[in-house]
Amino acid sequence: MKAVEQKGWSLFQIYDIKERLAAKGFRQEPLKIIEICSGKYANQFLDKNRLVSLCMPCKINVLEENGKVKIVGMKPTMISQLFPEVSQKDVEEVEKEIKEIVDNSR
């Protein structure tokens, strides 16, 4: 995903859930979980509260539903609701960058 690197983020891992479950004998519709991280934001948030790591790395899910591909993920703005020491402005910035990554990767 070039869009990830263009924003200065790192691509950690891509999990093909359909494939992994098929290997165990289960059947699922296509679903991939993509983990990305911004070192800048990760460091900034961890400095405020190390438990923010529970929300890391950011995940983008790509799934097929009723013949349509959907891209979904948890909104990073929820982090400031769980960890008030992380400013709303900072998580809004993260959310904006993730949205740009998704939009630029289509």
N, C-alpha and C. Protein backbone atom coordinates (compact mmCIF):
# COMPACT_ATOMS: atom_id res chain seq x y z
N MET A 1 0.84 -1.18 0.00
CA MET A 1 0.00 0.00 0.00
C MET A 1 0.88 1.25 0.00
N LYS A 2 1.06 1.78 -1.18
CA LYS A 2 1.86 3.00 -1.32
C LYS A 2 1.27 4.17 -0.56
N ALA A 3 -0.05 4.22 -0.49
CA ALA A 3 -0.71 5.34 0.19
C ALA A 3 -0.30 5.43 1.65
N VAL A 4 -0.01 4.29 2.27
CA VAL A 4 0.42 4.26 3.67
C VAL A 4 1.78 4.92 3.79
N GLU A 5 2.72 4.50 2.95
CA GLU A 5 4.08 5.03 3.00
C GLU A 5 4.13 6.50 2.60
N GLN A 6 3.29 6.90 1.66
CA GLN A 6 3.28 8.30 1.23
C GLN A 6 2.91 9.24 2.36
N LYS A 7 2.15 8.75 3.33
CA LYS A 7 1.76 9.56 4.49
C LYS A 7 2.80 9.46 5.61
N GLY A 8 3.84 8.64 5.41
CA GLY A 8 4.86 8.47 6.44
C GLY A 8 4.47 7.44 7.49
N TRP A 9 3.46 6.64 7.20
CA TRP A 9 3.02 5.59 8.09
C TRP A 9 3.71 4.29 7.70
N SER A 10 3.60 3.28 8.56
CA SER A 10 4.17 1.95 8.27
C SER A 10 3.04 0.94 8.17
N LEU A 11 3.21 0.00 7.23
CA LEU A 11 2.30 -1.12 7.10
C LEU A 11 2.88 -2.25 7.94
N PHE A 12 2.17 -2.66 8.97
CA PHE A 12 2.67 -3.70 9.86
C PHE A 12 2.36 -5.09 9.33
N GLN A 13 1.08 -5.35 9.05
CA GLN A 13 0.67 -6.70 8.70
C GLN A 13 -0.65 -6.66 7.96
N ILE A 14 -0.86 -7.66 7.09
CA ILE A 14 -2.16 -7.87 6.45
C ILE A 14 -2.58 -9.30 6.77
N TYR A 15 -3.72 -9.43 7.39
CA TYR A 15 -4.25 -10.75 7.73
C TYR A 15 -5.40 -11.08 6.78
N ASP A 16 -5.31 -12.21 6.11
CA ASP A 16 -6.39 -12.69 5.26
C ASP A 16 -7.20 -13.68 6.10
N ILE A 17 -8.24 -13.19 6.72
CA ILE A 17 -9.03 -13.98 7.66
C ILE A 17 -9.73 -15.14 6.95
N LYS A 18 -10.26 -14.91 5.76
CA LYS A 18 -10.91 -15.98 5.00
C LYS A 18 -9.94 -17.13 4.78
N GLU A 19 -8.73 -16.80 4.37
CA GLU A 19 -7.71 -17.81 4.10
C GLU A 19 -7.30 -18.56 5.38
N ARG A 20 -7.07 -17.80 6.45
CA ARG A 20 -6.65 -18.43 7.71
C ARG A 20 -7.72 -19.37 8.26
N LEU A 21 -8.98 -18.95 8.18
CA LEU A 21 -10.04 -19.81 8.69
C LEU A 21 -10.28 -21.01 7.77
N ALA A 22 -10.10 -20.81 6.46
CA ALA A 22 -10.24 -21.92 5.52
C ALA A 22 -9.23 -23.01 5.83
N ALA A 23 -8.03 -22.63 6.25
CA ALA A 23 -6.99 -23.59 6.62
C ALA A 23 -7.41 -24.43 7.83
N LYS A 24 -8.36 -23.93 8.62
CA LYS A 24 -8.86 -24.64 9.80
C LYS A 24 -10.19 -25.35 9.50
N GLY A 25 -10.63 -25.28 8.23
CA GLY A 25 -11.86 -25.95 7.83
C GLY A 25 -13.11 -25.10 7.95
N PHE A 26 -12.96 -23.80 8.18
CA PHE A 26 -14.11 -22.91 8.31
C PHE A 26 -14.29 -22.10 7.03
N ARG A 27 -15.52 -21.69 6.78
CA ARG A 27 -15.82 -20.92 5.59
C ARG A 27 -16.24 -19.51 5.98
N GLN A 28 -15.64 -18.53 5.35
CA GLN A 28 -15.96 -17.13 5.61
C GLN A 28 -15.94 -16.36 4.30
N GLU A 29 -16.66 -15.27 4.28
CA GLU A 29 -16.58 -14.35 3.14
C GLU A 29 -15.24 -13.62 3.21
N PRO A 30 -14.79 -13.04 2.08
CA PRO A 30 -13.50 -12.32 2.09
C PRO A 30 -13.44 -11.24 3.18
N LEU A 31 -12.34 -11.25 3.93
CA LEU A 31 -12.08 -10.26 4.97
C LEU A 31 -10.58 -10.17 5.19
N LYS A 32 -10.06 -8.97 5.01
CA LYS A 32 -8.65 -8.72 5.29
C LYS A 32 -8.57 -7.62 6.35
N ILE A 33 -7.65 -7.83 7.29
CA ILE A 33 -7.39 -6.83 8.32
C ILE A 33 -6.00 -6.28 8.06
N ILE A 34 -5.92 -4.99 7.86
CA ILE A 34 -4.65 -4.32 7.54
C ILE A 34 -4.26 -3.47 8.74
N GLU A 35 -3.06 -3.70 9.26
CA GLU A 35 -2.57 -2.94 10.41
C GLU A 35 -1.57 -1.89 9.93
N ILE A 36 -1.83 -0.64 10.32
CA ILE A 36 -0.92 0.45 9.98
C ILE A 36 -0.59 1.25 11.23
N CYS A 37 0.54 1.97 11.17
CA CYS A 37 0.94 2.75 12.34
C CYS A 37 1.75 3.97 11.91
N SER A 38 1.55 5.05 12.61
CA SER A 38 2.35 6.25 12.47
C SER A 38 3.25 6.34 13.70
N GLY A 39 4.54 6.23 13.49
CA GLY A 39 5.48 6.32 14.61
C GLY A 39 5.32 7.63 15.37
N LYS A 40 5.09 8.71 14.62
CA LYS A 40 4.93 10.03 15.23
C LYS A 40 3.76 10.05 16.22
N TYR A 41 2.59 9.60 15.78
CA TYR A 41 1.41 9.62 16.64
C TYR A 41 1.51 8.56 17.73
N ALA A 42 2.02 7.38 17.39
CA ALA A 42 2.15 6.31 18.37
C ALA A 42 3.01 6.79 19.54
N ASN A 43 4.14 7.37 19.24
CA ASN A 43 5.03 7.85 20.29
C ASN A 43 4.36 8.95 21.12
N GLN A 44 3.73 9.87 20.44
CA GLN A 44 3.05 10.99 21.11
C GLN A 44 1.97 10.48 22.07
N PHE A 45 1.16 9.52 21.62
CA PHE A 45 0.06 9.01 22.44
C PHE A 45 0.59 8.14 23.58
N LEU A 46 1.60 7.32 23.32
CA LEU A 46 2.17 6.47 24.36
C LEU A 46 2.82 7.29 25.47
N ASP A 47 3.38 8.46 25.10
CA ASP A 47 3.95 9.35 26.11
C ASP A 47 2.89 9.86 27.07
N LYS A 48 1.64 9.94 26.60
CA LYS A 48 0.55 10.44 27.46
C LYS A 48 -0.05 9.32 28.31
N ASN A 49 -0.14 8.11 27.72
CA ASN A 49 -0.66 6.97 28.47
C ASN A 49 -0.30 5.70 27.70
N ARG A 50 0.52 4.87 28.31
CA ARG A 50 0.99 3.65 27.63
C ARG A 50 -0.14 2.67 27.31
N LEU A 51 -1.26 2.80 28.00
CA LEU A 51 -2.38 1.91 27.73
C LEU A 51 -3.08 2.22 26.40
N VAL A 52 -2.73 3.35 25.78
CA VAL A 52 -3.24 3.64 24.44
C VAL A 52 -2.82 2.51 23.50
N SER A 53 -1.79 1.77 23.88
CA SER A 53 -1.32 0.64 23.07
C SER A 53 -2.43 -0.39 22.83
N LEU A 54 -3.46 -0.38 23.68
CA LEU A 54 -4.60 -1.27 23.47
C LEU A 54 -5.33 -0.96 22.16
N CYS A 55 -5.18 0.25 21.67
CA CYS A 55 -5.84 0.69 20.43
C CYS A 55 -4.88 0.67 19.24
N MET A 56 -3.73 0.08 19.42
CA MET A 56 -2.70 0.11 18.38
C MET A 56 -2.39 -1.29 17.88
N PRO A 57 -1.93 -1.43 16.67
CA PRO A 57 -1.88 -0.42 15.63
C PRO A 57 -3.29 -0.15 15.07
N CYS A 58 -3.40 0.87 14.25
CA CYS A 58 -4.69 1.18 13.63
C CYS A 58 -5.03 0.07 12.64
N LYS A 59 -6.28 -0.32 12.64
CA LYS A 59 -6.71 -1.40 11.74
C LYS A 59 -7.71 -0.87 10.72
N ILE A 60 -7.50 -1.33 9.49
CA ILE A 60 -8.44 -1.04 8.41
C ILE A 60 -8.92 -2.40 7.91
N ASN A 61 -10.21 -2.63 7.92
CA ASN A 61 -10.76 -3.90 7.47
C ASN A 61 -11.35 -3.74 6.07
N VAL A 62 -11.03 -4.68 5.22
CA VAL A 62 -11.58 -4.71 3.86
C VAL A 62 -12.39 -6.00 3.78
N LEU A 63 -13.68 -5.85 3.55
CA LEU A 63 -14.55 -7.02 3.54
C LEU A 63 -15.53 -6.97 2.39
N GLU A 64 -16.07 -8.12 2.10
CA GLU A 64 -17.08 -8.21 1.05
C GLU A 64 -18.40 -8.52 1.71
N GLU A 65 -19.41 -7.73 1.35
CA GLU A 65 -20.74 -7.92 1.93
C GLU A 65 -21.77 -7.70 0.84
N ASN A 66 -22.60 -8.69 0.60
CA ASN A 66 -23.62 -8.62 -0.45
C ASN A 66 -23.03 -8.24 -1.80
N GLY A 67 -21.85 -8.80 -2.11
CA GLY A 67 -21.22 -8.55 -3.41
C GLY A 67 -20.52 -7.22 -3.53
N LYS A 68 -20.47 -6.45 -2.44
CA LYS A 68 -19.80 -5.15 -2.47
C LYS A 68 -18.61 -5.16 -1.53
N VAL A 69 -17.53 -4.50 -1.94
CA VAL A 69 -16.35 -4.37 -1.09
C VAL A 69 -16.54 -3.15 -0.19
N LYS A 70 -16.31 -3.36 1.11
CA LYS A 70 -16.43 -2.27 2.08
C LYS A 70 -15.10 -2.11 2.80
N ILE A 71 -14.77 -0.87 3.10
CA ILE A 71 -13.57 -0.56 3.88
C ILE A 71 -14.06 0.09 5.16
N VAL A 72 -13.72 -0.53 6.30
CA VAL A 72 -14.21 -0.04 7.59
C VAL A 72 -13.08 -0.03 8.61
N GLY A 73 -13.29 0.71 9.68
CA GLY A 73 -12.32 0.73 10.77
C GLY A 73 -12.88 1.51 11.94
N MET A 74 -12.25 1.30 13.09
CA MET A 74 -12.64 2.06 14.27
C MET A 74 -12.13 3.50 14.11
N LYS A 75 -12.94 4.45 14.46
CA LYS A 75 -12.52 5.84 14.36
C LYS A 75 -11.51 6.17 15.46
N PRO A 76 -10.33 6.64 15.09
CA PRO A 76 -9.33 7.00 16.10
C PRO A 76 -9.81 8.06 17.09
N THR A 77 -10.83 8.83 16.73
CA THR A 77 -11.33 9.85 17.65
C THR A 77 -11.90 9.21 18.93
N MET A 78 -12.18 7.92 18.89
CA MET A 78 -12.66 7.23 20.09
C MET A 78 -11.56 7.14 21.15
N ILE A 79 -10.30 7.23 20.73
CA ILE A 79 -9.17 7.12 21.66
C ILE A 79 -9.27 8.20 22.74
N SER A 80 -9.60 9.42 22.34
CA SER A 80 -9.67 10.50 23.32
C SER A 80 -10.83 10.32 24.30
N GLN A 81 -11.84 9.53 23.92
CA GLN A 81 -12.94 9.24 24.83
C GLN A 81 -12.49 8.23 25.89
N LEU A 82 -11.61 7.30 25.48
CA LEU A 82 -11.10 6.30 26.41
C LEU A 82 -9.94 6.83 27.24
N PHE A 83 -9.15 7.71 26.62
CA PHE A 83 -7.96 8.27 27.26
C PHE A 83 -7.99 9.79 27.12
N PRO A 84 -8.64 10.48 28.06
CA PRO A 84 -8.84 11.93 27.96
C PRO A 84 -7.55 12.74 27.86
N GLU A 85 -6.42 12.17 28.28
CA GLU A 85 -5.16 12.91 28.19
C GLU A 85 -4.66 13.04 26.75
N VAL A 86 -5.24 12.26 25.84
CA VAL A 86 -4.93 12.39 24.41
C VAL A 86 -5.93 13.39 23.84
N SER A 87 -5.42 14.45 23.25
CA SER A 87 -6.31 15.53 22.82
C SER A 87 -7.17 15.14 21.61
N GLN A 88 -8.35 15.68 21.60
CA GLN A 88 -9.30 15.46 20.50
C GLN A 88 -8.69 15.94 19.18
N LYS A 89 -7.97 17.05 19.24
CA LYS A 89 -7.34 17.61 18.03
C LYS A 89 -6.35 16.61 17.42
N ASP A 90 -5.55 15.97 18.27
CA ASP A 90 -4.56 15.02 17.78
C ASP A 90 -5.21 13.79 17.14
N VAL A 91 -6.25 13.26 17.77
CA VAL A 91 -6.89 12.07 17.19
C VAL A 91 -7.69 12.42 15.94
N GLU A 92 -8.18 13.65 15.86
CA GLU A 92 -8.85 14.08 14.63
C GLU A 92 -7.85 14.13 13.48
N GLU A 93 -6.62 14.53 13.78
CA GLU A 93 -5.55 14.56 12.78
C GLU A 93 -5.24 13.14 12.29
N VAL A 94 -5.17 12.19 13.22
CA VAL A 94 -4.93 10.79 12.87
C VAL A 94 -6.06 10.28 11.99
N GLU A 95 -7.28 10.55 12.38
CA GLU A 95 -8.45 10.09 11.62
C GLU A 95 -8.44 10.65 10.20
N LYS A 96 -8.08 11.93 10.09
CA LYS A 96 -8.00 12.57 8.77
C LYS A 96 -6.95 11.87 7.90
N GLU A 97 -5.80 11.56 8.47
CA GLU A 97 -4.73 10.91 7.70
C GLU A 97 -5.14 9.50 7.28
N ILE A 98 -5.80 8.76 8.16
CA ILE A 98 -6.24 7.41 7.80
C ILE A 98 -7.27 7.48 6.68
N LYS A 99 -8.18 8.44 6.76
CA LYS A 99 -9.19 8.61 5.70
C LYS A 99 -8.49 8.92 4.37
N GLU A 100 -7.47 9.76 4.40
CA GLU A 100 -6.72 10.08 3.18
C GLU A 100 -5.99 8.85 2.64
N ILE A 101 -5.45 8.04 3.53
CA ILE A 101 -4.78 6.80 3.12
C ILE A 101 -5.77 5.89 2.40
N VAL A 102 -6.95 5.71 2.98
CA VAL A 102 -7.97 4.86 2.38
C VAL A 102 -8.41 5.44 1.04
N ASP A 103 -8.69 6.74 1.01
CA ASP A 103 -9.14 7.37 -0.24
C ASP A 103 -8.10 7.27 -1.34
N ASN A 104 -6.81 7.40 -0.98
CA ASN A 104 -5.75 7.36 -1.97
C ASN A 104 -5.36 5.96 -2.40
N SER A 105 -5.89 4.94 -1.72
CA SER A 105 -5.52 3.57 -2.07
C SER A 105 -6.59 2.87 -2.90
N ARG A 106 -7.67 3.55 -3.19
CA ARG A 106 -8.76 2.93 -3.97
C ARG A 106 -8.39 2.81 -5.42
